[in-house]
Protein backbone atom coordinates (compact mmCIF):
# COMPACT_ATOMS: atom_id res chain seq x y z
CA MET A 1 -0.05 -0.03 -0.09
CA THR A 2 1.35 3.35 -0.90
CA ALA A 3 1.33 6.21 1.66
CA GLU A 4 -1.18 8.95 0.87
CA LYS A 5 -1.32 12.46 2.21
CA ILE A 6 -4.09 12.98 4.50
CA GLN A 7 -5.73 16.39 4.44
CA ALA A 8 -8.40 17.87 6.81
CA VAL A 9 -11.42 19.27 4.92
CA GLU A 10 -13.89 21.72 6.61
CA THR A 11 -17.40 22.05 5.82
CA ASN A 12 -20.31 24.29 7.11
CA THR A 13 -23.10 22.34 5.45
CA LEU A 14 -24.90 19.00 5.88
CA PRO A 15 -25.39 16.30 4.73
CA TYR A 16 -21.67 15.43 4.13
CA ALA A 17 -20.71 12.44 2.30
CA ALA A 18 -17.15 11.00 2.97
CA GLY A 19 -15.59 8.26 1.10
CA PHE A 20 -13.62 5.62 3.16
CA CYS A 21 -11.47 2.72 2.29
CA TRP A 22 -11.02 -0.25 4.69
CA SER A 23 -10.66 -3.98 4.70
CA THR A 24 -13.88 -5.88 5.58
CA GLY A 25 -11.86 -8.99 6.34
CA PHE A 26 -11.55 -12.37 4.75
CA LEU A 27 -14.91 -13.69 5.87
CA MET A 28 -16.94 -10.75 4.51
CA GLU A 29 -14.85 -10.77 1.40
CA LYS A 30 -15.84 -14.39 0.80
CA PHE A 31 -19.51 -13.61 1.47
CA ILE A 32 -19.54 -10.66 -1.10
CA LYS A 33 -17.43 -12.66 -3.60
CA SER A 34 -19.95 -15.69 -3.16
CA LEU A 35 -22.78 -13.52 -4.20
CA ALA A 36 -21.44 -13.76 -7.70
CA LYS A 37 -22.19 -17.44 -7.71
CA LYS A 38 -25.65 -16.96 -6.07
CA GLU A 39 -24.54 -18.19 -2.92
CA ILE A 40 -25.10 -16.81 0.55
CA TRP A 41 -22.44 -17.82 3.42
CA ALA A 42 -22.76 -17.45 7.05
CA ALA A 43 -20.41 -17.86 9.91
CA LYS A 44 -21.28 -20.13 12.78
CA CYS A 45 -19.48 -19.45 16.08
CA PRO A 46 -17.29 -22.41 17.15
CA ARG A 47 -18.17 -21.99 20.86
CA CYS A 48 -21.62 -20.99 21.20
CA GLY A 49 -23.17 -21.83 17.77
CA TYR A 50 -24.68 -18.51 17.05
CA THR A 51 -24.72 -18.09 13.20
CA TYR A 52 -24.15 -14.67 11.57
CA VAL A 53 -25.11 -13.49 8.19
CA PRO A 54 -23.41 -11.64 6.82
CA PRO A 55 -20.35 -13.28 8.55
CA ARG A 56 -18.10 -11.79 11.03
CA ASN A 57 -14.83 -12.71 12.51
CA ARG A 58 -15.74 -12.35 16.15
CA CYS A 59 -18.83 -13.59 17.91
CA GLY A 60 -20.83 -10.95 19.48
CA GLN A 61 -22.45 -13.36 21.79
CA CYS A 62 -19.21 -15.01 23.47
CA ASP A 63 -16.38 -13.19 21.82
CA ALA A 64 -14.96 -16.35 20.11
CA LYS A 65 -12.79 -16.02 17.04
CA ILE A 66 -14.65 -17.20 13.84
CA GLU A 67 -12.61 -18.41 10.98
CA GLU A 68 -12.93 -19.72 7.45
CA LYS A 69 -13.52 -23.40 8.69
CA ASP A 70 -16.64 -21.95 10.42
CA LEU A 71 -18.35 -20.88 7.22
CA THR A 72 -21.55 -22.55 6.25
CA LYS A 73 -23.61 -22.13 3.03
CA LEU A 74 -27.30 -21.11 3.30
CA SER A 75 -30.26 -22.04 1.12
CA GLY A 76 -31.40 -18.41 0.59
CA LYS A 77 -34.64 -19.18 2.08
CA GLY A 78 -35.97 -17.81 5.48
CA ILE A 79 -38.70 -16.01 7.23
CA LEU A 80 -39.69 -12.28 7.27
CA VAL A 81 -39.33 -11.32 10.96
CA GLY A 82 -40.05 -7.53 10.47
CA PHE A 83 -40.43 -4.97 7.80
CA THR A 84 -41.03 -1.29 7.19
CA LYS A 85 -42.34 0.73 4.22
CA ALA A 86 -39.83 3.31 2.79
CA TYR A 87 -41.06 6.33 0.89
CA VAL A 88 -37.62 7.89 0.15
CA GLN A 89 -34.13 6.58 -0.81
CA LEU A 90 -30.66 8.16 -1.06
CA ASP A 91 -29.40 9.13 -4.29
CA ALA A 92 -25.70 8.94 -5.49
CA SER A 93 -24.98 12.15 -3.78
CA SER A 94 -26.53 11.05 -0.37
CA LYS A 95 -29.59 13.13 -0.63
CA PHE A 96 -33.01 11.82 -0.12
CA VAL A 97 -35.25 11.42 -3.01
CA ASP A 98 -39.03 10.61 -2.94
CA LEU A 99 -39.99 7.36 -4.56
CA ASP A 100 -42.75 7.19 -7.07
CA GLU A 101 -44.10 4.13 -5.24
CA PRO A 102 -43.04 2.95 -1.69
CA ILE A 103 -40.84 -0.11 -1.12
CA PHE A 104 -40.88 -2.60 1.53
CA ILE A 105 -37.51 -3.27 3.48
CA GLY A 106 -37.59 -6.56 5.37
CA ALA A 107 -35.51 -8.13 8.34
CA VAL A 108 -35.11 -11.64 7.01
CA LYS A 109 -33.90 -14.50 9.17
CA LEU A 110 -32.42 -16.97 6.79
CA ASP A 111 -32.91 -20.75 7.47
CA GLY A 112 -29.79 -21.86 9.46
CA ALA A 113 -28.92 -18.30 10.65
CA ASP A 114 -29.55 -16.60 13.94
CA SER A 115 -29.02 -12.93 12.73
CA ASN A 116 -31.20 -10.99 10.22
CA LEU A 117 -30.32 -9.83 6.84
CA PHE A 118 -32.12 -6.39 5.74
CA MET A 119 -33.21 -6.40 2.26
CA GLN A 120 -36.06 -5.22 0.00
CA ILE A 121 -39.14 -7.18 -0.21
CA ALA A 122 -40.82 -7.37 -3.61
CA GLU A 123 -43.31 -9.12 -5.81
CA ILE A 124 -45.75 -9.80 -3.01
CA ASP A 125 -49.10 -7.93 -2.66
CA PRO A 126 -48.61 -5.36 0.21
CA GLN A 127 -51.68 -6.65 2.04
CA ASP A 128 -49.74 -10.15 2.20
CA ILE A 129 -46.52 -8.74 3.70
CA LYS A 130 -46.54 -9.75 7.35
CA GLU A 131 -44.18 -11.09 9.93
CA GLY A 132 -43.68 -14.98 9.58
CA ILE A 133 -44.30 -15.31 5.80
CA LYS A 134 -41.72 -17.60 4.05
CA VAL A 135 -39.35 -15.70 1.60
CA GLN A 136 -36.51 -16.42 -0.67
CA VAL A 137 -33.73 -14.59 -2.29
CA LYS A 138 -34.47 -13.32 -6.02
CA TRP A 139 -31.11 -12.86 -7.58
CA GLN A 140 -30.23 -10.39 -10.41
CA ASP A 141 -29.81 -12.26 -13.86
CA GLN A 142 -26.15 -10.95 -14.04
CA THR A 143 -24.20 -11.11 -10.88
CA GLN A 144 -20.91 -9.46 -10.04
CA GLY A 145 -19.94 -10.10 -6.37
CA ALA A 146 -21.83 -7.03 -4.80
CA ILE A 147 -24.61 -7.04 -2.24
CA SER A 148 -26.78 -5.67 -5.20
CA ASP A 149 -26.61 -9.26 -6.69
CA ILE A 150 -29.44 -9.79 -4.27
CA GLN A 151 -32.28 -8.12 -6.16
CA TYR A 152 -34.81 -8.61 -3.32
CA PHE A 153 -36.56 -11.33 -1.31
CA THR A 154 -40.07 -12.50 -2.37
CA HIS A 155 -42.54 -14.95 -0.99
CA TYR A 156 -42.43 -18.63 -1.45
CA THR A 157 -44.39 -21.60 -0.41
CA GLY A 158 -42.74 -24.83 0.50
């Protein structure tokens, strides 16, 4: 890595968007790259068994170290444990813009995981969106190894 000159920037306006660059770690890198293959990986704590998606390298329950050998592949199916309706979104310059139609954002507890993944919920009649429904991942047609490879989660029966 090359050394870069760091410079302080003053601003009197909000909102202020700042770019940062840091390593997400090996487990998160594997999670992101696996999305290109339409796979979702989680990390299971070797001590207490709590399973995180996205994976993390330290357990928040018991502080045990989580390593590559602790990764487990998930099916992409789960249940909706909570949701909200969003009427705005951030644009490329971090400003809120009104949506033409509201979208639903859900807390999805994937089968085999203990933590939740927060993603858009779509292709479900708004009256049918409720806690406890079964959902599954809907992938983008073209994937590239980014969180946006998950297009949204939708209802399934099974």
